[in-house]
Structures are given as structure tokens and as C-alpha cells.
């Protein structure tokens, strides 16, 4: 995994999101790929529901991010992990499962790093 770009820009996180972000970093460090995906969206949702966010970003940028394909993918992936409706990629218990989860965790990390930094810069 790449160095976490968001780590140096946590000033806009509320105390709740900072605790989640610490957990997210531990999950990354310990290769807990499903947890990385779940926590990524949890952090994003926490940021997006914090009313203080408008002090840091433009409402139009926020709307664009909320409608982005990346955020929609992350929400769908997280929901499939949390809400069992049958086996899904990454949870088949075979050799490829871990690879799939790791790739998806990398995508989640990219979303939380690149997309959030875009709207906050």
C-alpha cells in the first residue's frame, strides 16, 4: 500500500473520524483488507455528514464527490461485505479471495486519499 496521503491532512476530521482513521491505519498496517474497505466508507460518510465540512470545501465539489463513481463503488462494495446475500468476490475462501480483497482495499485507499484530498485542497 502507498503511504497514506491523508495522514498529513487530518485537520478537517472531527474527533469521531480521527478515531476511525486511526483504526483504518491499523487495518492497513495489519492487512485487514475487508476492514479497510468498511472503514474507508465509514470515514467518508462521517466527513460528509459533518456540518463543519462546508468550512473547508465548496458545496459543488462536495456534491460532485457524493455522486462520483468511486464513492458509489465503495458504498456497494462495503454493503456487500456487511450485508450477506450470498458469497461475493473476496469471500469464497480460495487463493484468489485475499488478492481480490487486497485489490479492493487498494482502490478504497485511493478513494479516501486522492478523492478526499481533491475536494479539501
C-alpha atoms as a PDB file:
ATOM      1  CA  UNK A   1       0.000   0.000   0.000  1.00  0.00           C
ATOM      2  CA  UNK A   2       1.111   3.543  -0.657  1.00  0.00           C
ATOM      3  CA  UNK A   3       1.945   5.969   2.085  1.00  0.00           C
ATOM      4  CA  UNK A   4      -1.315   7.295   3.411  1.00  0.00           C
ATOM      5  CA  UNK A   5      -1.618  10.758   1.894  1.00  0.00           C
ATOM      6  CA  UNK A   6      -4.498  11.732   4.141  1.00  0.00           C
ATOM      7  CA  UNK A   7      -2.419  11.268   7.305  1.00  0.00           C
ATOM      8  CA  UNK A   8      -0.897  14.736   6.997  1.00  0.00           C
ATOM      9  CA  UNK A   9      -4.265  16.363   6.342  1.00  0.00           C
ATOM     10  CA  UNK A  10      -6.427  15.241   9.237  1.00  0.00           C
ATOM     11  CA  UNK A  11      -7.125  18.773  10.482  1.00  0.00           C
ATOM     12  CA  UNK A  12     -10.602  18.680   8.930  1.00  0.00           C
ATOM     13  CA  UNK A  13     -11.584  15.433  10.679  1.00  0.00           C
ATOM     14  CA  UNK A  14     -13.784  15.601  13.750  1.00  0.00           C
ATOM     15  CA  UNK A  15     -12.820  13.551  16.806  1.00  0.00           C
ATOM     16  CA  UNK A  16     -15.040  10.645  15.758  1.00  0.00           C
ATOM     17  CA  UNK A  17     -13.472  10.459  12.290  1.00  0.00           C
ATOM     18  CA  UNK A  18      -9.965  10.716  13.773  1.00  0.00           C
ATOM     19  CA  UNK A  19     -10.574   7.610  15.900  1.00  0.00           C
ATOM     20  CA  UNK A  20     -11.914   5.785  12.830  1.00  0.00           C
ATOM     21  CA  UNK A  21      -8.921   6.975  10.835  1.00  0.00           C
ATOM     22  CA  UNK A  22      -6.534   5.523  13.436  1.00  0.00           C
ATOM     23  CA  UNK A  23      -8.401   2.201  13.178  1.00  0.00           C
ATOM     24  CA  UNK A  24      -8.211   2.416   9.371  1.00  0.00           C
ATOM     25  CA  UNK A  25      -4.427   2.870   9.535  1.00  0.00           C
ATOM     26  CA  UNK A  26      -4.106  -0.144  11.845  1.00  0.00           C
ATOM     27  CA  UNK A  27      -6.199  -2.191   9.431  1.00  0.00           C
ATOM     28  CA  UNK A  28      -3.929  -1.161   6.541  1.00  0.00           C
ATOM     29  CA  UNK A  29      -0.804  -1.995   8.513  1.00  0.00           C
ATOM     30  CA  UNK A  30      -2.163  -5.396   9.512  1.00  0.00           C
ATOM     31  CA  UNK A  31      -3.526  -6.297   6.053  1.00  0.00           C
ATOM     32  CA  UNK A  32      -7.122  -6.435   7.246  1.00  0.00           C
ATOM     33  CA  UNK A  33      -8.481  -5.749   3.780  1.00  0.00           C
ATOM     34  CA  UNK A  34     -12.221  -6.060   4.452  1.00  0.00           C
ATOM     35  CA  UNK A  35     -11.837  -3.716   7.442  1.00  0.00           C
ATOM     36  CA  UNK A  36     -10.000  -1.190   5.248  1.00  0.00           C
ATOM     37  CA  UNK A  37     -12.921  -1.156   2.814  1.00  0.00           C
ATOM     38  CA  UNK A  38     -15.532  -0.850   5.577  1.00  0.00           C
ATOM     39  CA  UNK A  39     -13.650   1.852   7.466  1.00  0.00           C
ATOM     40  CA  UNK A  40     -12.927   3.825   4.286  1.00  0.00           C
ATOM     41  CA  UNK A  41     -16.599   4.404   3.623  1.00  0.00           C
ATOM     42  CA  UNK A  42     -17.344   4.930   7.310  1.00  0.00           C
ATOM     43  CA  UNK A  43     -14.765   7.734   7.422  1.00  0.00           C
ATOM     44  CA  UNK A  44     -16.062   9.271   4.196  1.00  0.00           C
ATOM     45  CA  UNK A  45     -19.662   9.152   5.454  1.00  0.00           C
ATOM     46  CA  UNK A  46     -18.588  10.696   8.743  1.00  0.00           C
ATOM     47  CA  UNK A  47     -16.852  13.533   6.920  1.00  0.00           C
ATOM     48  CA  UNK A  48     -19.776  14.082   4.557  1.00  0.00           C
ATOM     49  CA  UNK A  49     -22.321  14.320   7.368  1.00  0.00           C
ATOM     50  CA  UNK A  50     -20.250  16.745   9.447  1.00  0.00           C
ATOM     51  CA  UNK A  51     -21.751  20.214   9.038  1.00  0.00           C
ATOM     52  CA  UNK A  52     -18.311  21.791   9.542  1.00  0.00           C
ATOM     53  CA  UNK A  53     -17.203  20.349   6.212  1.00  0.00           C
ATOM     54  CA  UNK A  54     -18.532  23.386   4.362  1.00  0.00           C
ATOM     55  CA  UNK A  55     -15.914  25.473   6.172  1.00  0.00           C
ATOM     56  CA  UNK A  56     -13.279  23.577   4.175  1.00  0.00           C
ATOM     57  CA  UNK A  57     -14.811  22.813   0.791  1.00  0.00           C
ATOM     58  CA  UNK A  58     -17.223  24.171  -1.772  1.00  0.00           C
ATOM     59  CA  UNK A  59     -20.724  22.652  -1.767  1.00  0.00           C
ATOM     60  CA  UNK A  60     -20.499  21.977  -5.520  1.00  0.00           C
ATOM     61  CA  UNK A  61     -17.283  19.984  -5.056  1.00  0.00           C
ATOM     62  CA  UNK A  62     -18.975  18.077  -2.245  1.00  0.00           C
ATOM     63  CA  UNK A  63     -21.960  17.238  -4.453  1.00  0.00           C
ATOM     64  CA  UNK A  64     -19.693  16.069  -7.261  1.00  0.00           C
ATOM     65  CA  UNK A  65     -17.844  13.770  -4.882  1.00  0.00           C
ATOM     66  CA  UNK A  66     -21.095  12.369  -3.458  1.00  0.00           C
ATOM     67  CA  UNK A  67     -22.190  11.431  -6.979  1.00  0.00           C
ATOM     68  CA  UNK A  68     -18.822  10.036  -8.092  1.00  0.00           C
ATOM     69  CA  UNK A  69     -18.474   6.507  -9.484  1.00  0.00           C
ATOM     70  CA  UNK A  70     -15.702   5.804  -7.000  1.00  0.00           C
ATOM     71  CA  UNK A  71     -17.853   6.626  -3.997  1.00  0.00           C
ATOM     72  CA  UNK A  72     -20.743   4.594  -5.397  1.00  0.00           C
ATOM     73  CA  UNK A  73     -18.409   1.628  -5.945  1.00  0.00           C
ATOM     74  CA  UNK A  74     -17.105   1.926  -2.380  1.00  0.00           C
ATOM     75  CA  UNK A  75     -20.633   2.048  -0.956  1.00  0.00           C
ATOM     76  CA  UNK A  76     -21.745  -1.006  -2.950  1.00  0.00           C
ATOM     77  CA  UNK A  77     -18.598  -2.955  -2.036  1.00  0.00           C
ATOM     78  CA  UNK A  78     -18.909  -2.114   1.656  1.00  0.00           C
ATOM     79  CA  UNK A  79     -22.609  -3.044   1.684  1.00  0.00           C
ATOM     80  CA  UNK A  80     -21.905  -6.396   0.033  1.00  0.00           C
ATOM     81  CA  UNK A  81     -19.346  -7.139   2.736  1.00  0.00           C
ATOM     82  CA  UNK A  82     -21.616  -6.139   5.612  1.00  0.00           C
ATOM     83  CA  UNK A  83     -24.975  -7.418   4.391  1.00  0.00           C
ATOM     84  CA  UNK A  84     -24.686 -11.077   3.435  1.00  0.00           C
ATOM     85  CA  UNK A  85     -26.816 -12.081   0.467  1.00  0.00           C
ATOM     86  CA  UNK A  86     -24.654 -14.974  -0.655  1.00  0.00           C
ATOM     87  CA  UNK A  87     -20.969 -15.439  -1.451  1.00  0.00           C
ATOM     88  CA  UNK A  88     -19.205 -12.451  -3.023  1.00  0.00           C
ATOM     89  CA  UNK A  89     -15.781 -11.894  -4.539  1.00  0.00           C
ATOM     90  CA  UNK A  90     -13.117 -11.935  -1.880  1.00  0.00           C
ATOM     91  CA  UNK A  91     -15.098 -14.247   0.394  1.00  0.00           C
ATOM     92  CA  UNK A  92     -15.053 -17.547  -1.490  1.00  0.00           C
ATOM     93  CA  UNK A  93     -12.278 -18.917   0.698  1.00  0.00           C
ATOM     94  CA  UNK A  94      -9.927 -19.708  -2.166  1.00  0.00           C
ATOM     95  CA  UNK A  95      -6.460 -18.394  -3.018  1.00  0.00           C
ATOM     96  CA  UNK A  96      -7.828 -15.559  -5.117  1.00  0.00           C
ATOM     97  CA  UNK A  97     -10.083 -14.258  -2.334  1.00  0.00           C
ATOM     98  CA  UNK A  98      -7.284 -12.488  -0.491  1.00  0.00           C
ATOM     99  CA  UNK A  99      -5.991 -10.995  -3.745  1.00  0.00           C
ATOM    100  CA  UNK A 100      -9.443  -9.623  -4.577  1.00  0.00           C
ATOM    101  CA  UNK A 101      -9.857  -8.084  -1.124  1.00  0.00           C
ATOM    102  CA  UNK A 102      -6.376  -6.573  -1.277  1.00  0.00           C
ATOM    103  CA  UNK A 103      -7.062  -5.011  -4.698  1.00  0.00           C
ATOM    104  CA  UNK A 104     -10.370  -3.639  -3.464  1.00  0.00           C
ATOM    105  CA  UNK A 105      -8.704  -2.285  -0.318  1.00  0.00           C
ATOM    106  CA  UNK A 106      -6.130  -0.520  -2.518  1.00  0.00           C
ATOM    107  CA  UNK A 107      -8.968   1.034  -4.511  1.00  0.00           C
ATOM    108  CA  UNK A 108     -10.668   2.120  -1.268  1.00  0.00           C
ATOM    109  CA  UNK A 109      -7.380   3.628  -0.088  1.00  0.00           C
ATOM    110  CA  UNK A 110      -7.058   5.526  -3.357  1.00  0.00           C
ATOM    111  CA  UNK A 111     -10.574   6.895  -2.960  1.00  0.00           C
ATOM    112  CA  UNK A 112     -10.003   8.056   0.587  1.00  0.00           C
ATOM    113  CA  UNK A 113      -6.614   9.556  -0.268  1.00  0.00           C
ATOM    114  CA  UNK A 114      -6.966  11.036  -3.719  1.00  0.00           C
ATOM    115  CA  UNK A 115     -10.631  11.971  -3.891  1.00  0.00           C
ATOM    116  CA  UNK A 116     -10.861  13.467  -0.410  1.00  0.00           C
ATOM    117  CA  UNK A 117      -7.634  15.392  -0.872  1.00  0.00           C
ATOM    118  CA  UNK A 118      -9.004  16.773  -4.151  1.00  0.00           C
ATOM    119  CA  UNK A 119     -12.062  18.239  -2.502  1.00  0.00           C
ATOM    120  CA  UNK A 120     -10.162  19.557   0.525  1.00  0.00           C
ATOM    121  CA  UNK A 121      -7.389  21.269  -1.465  1.00  0.00           C
END
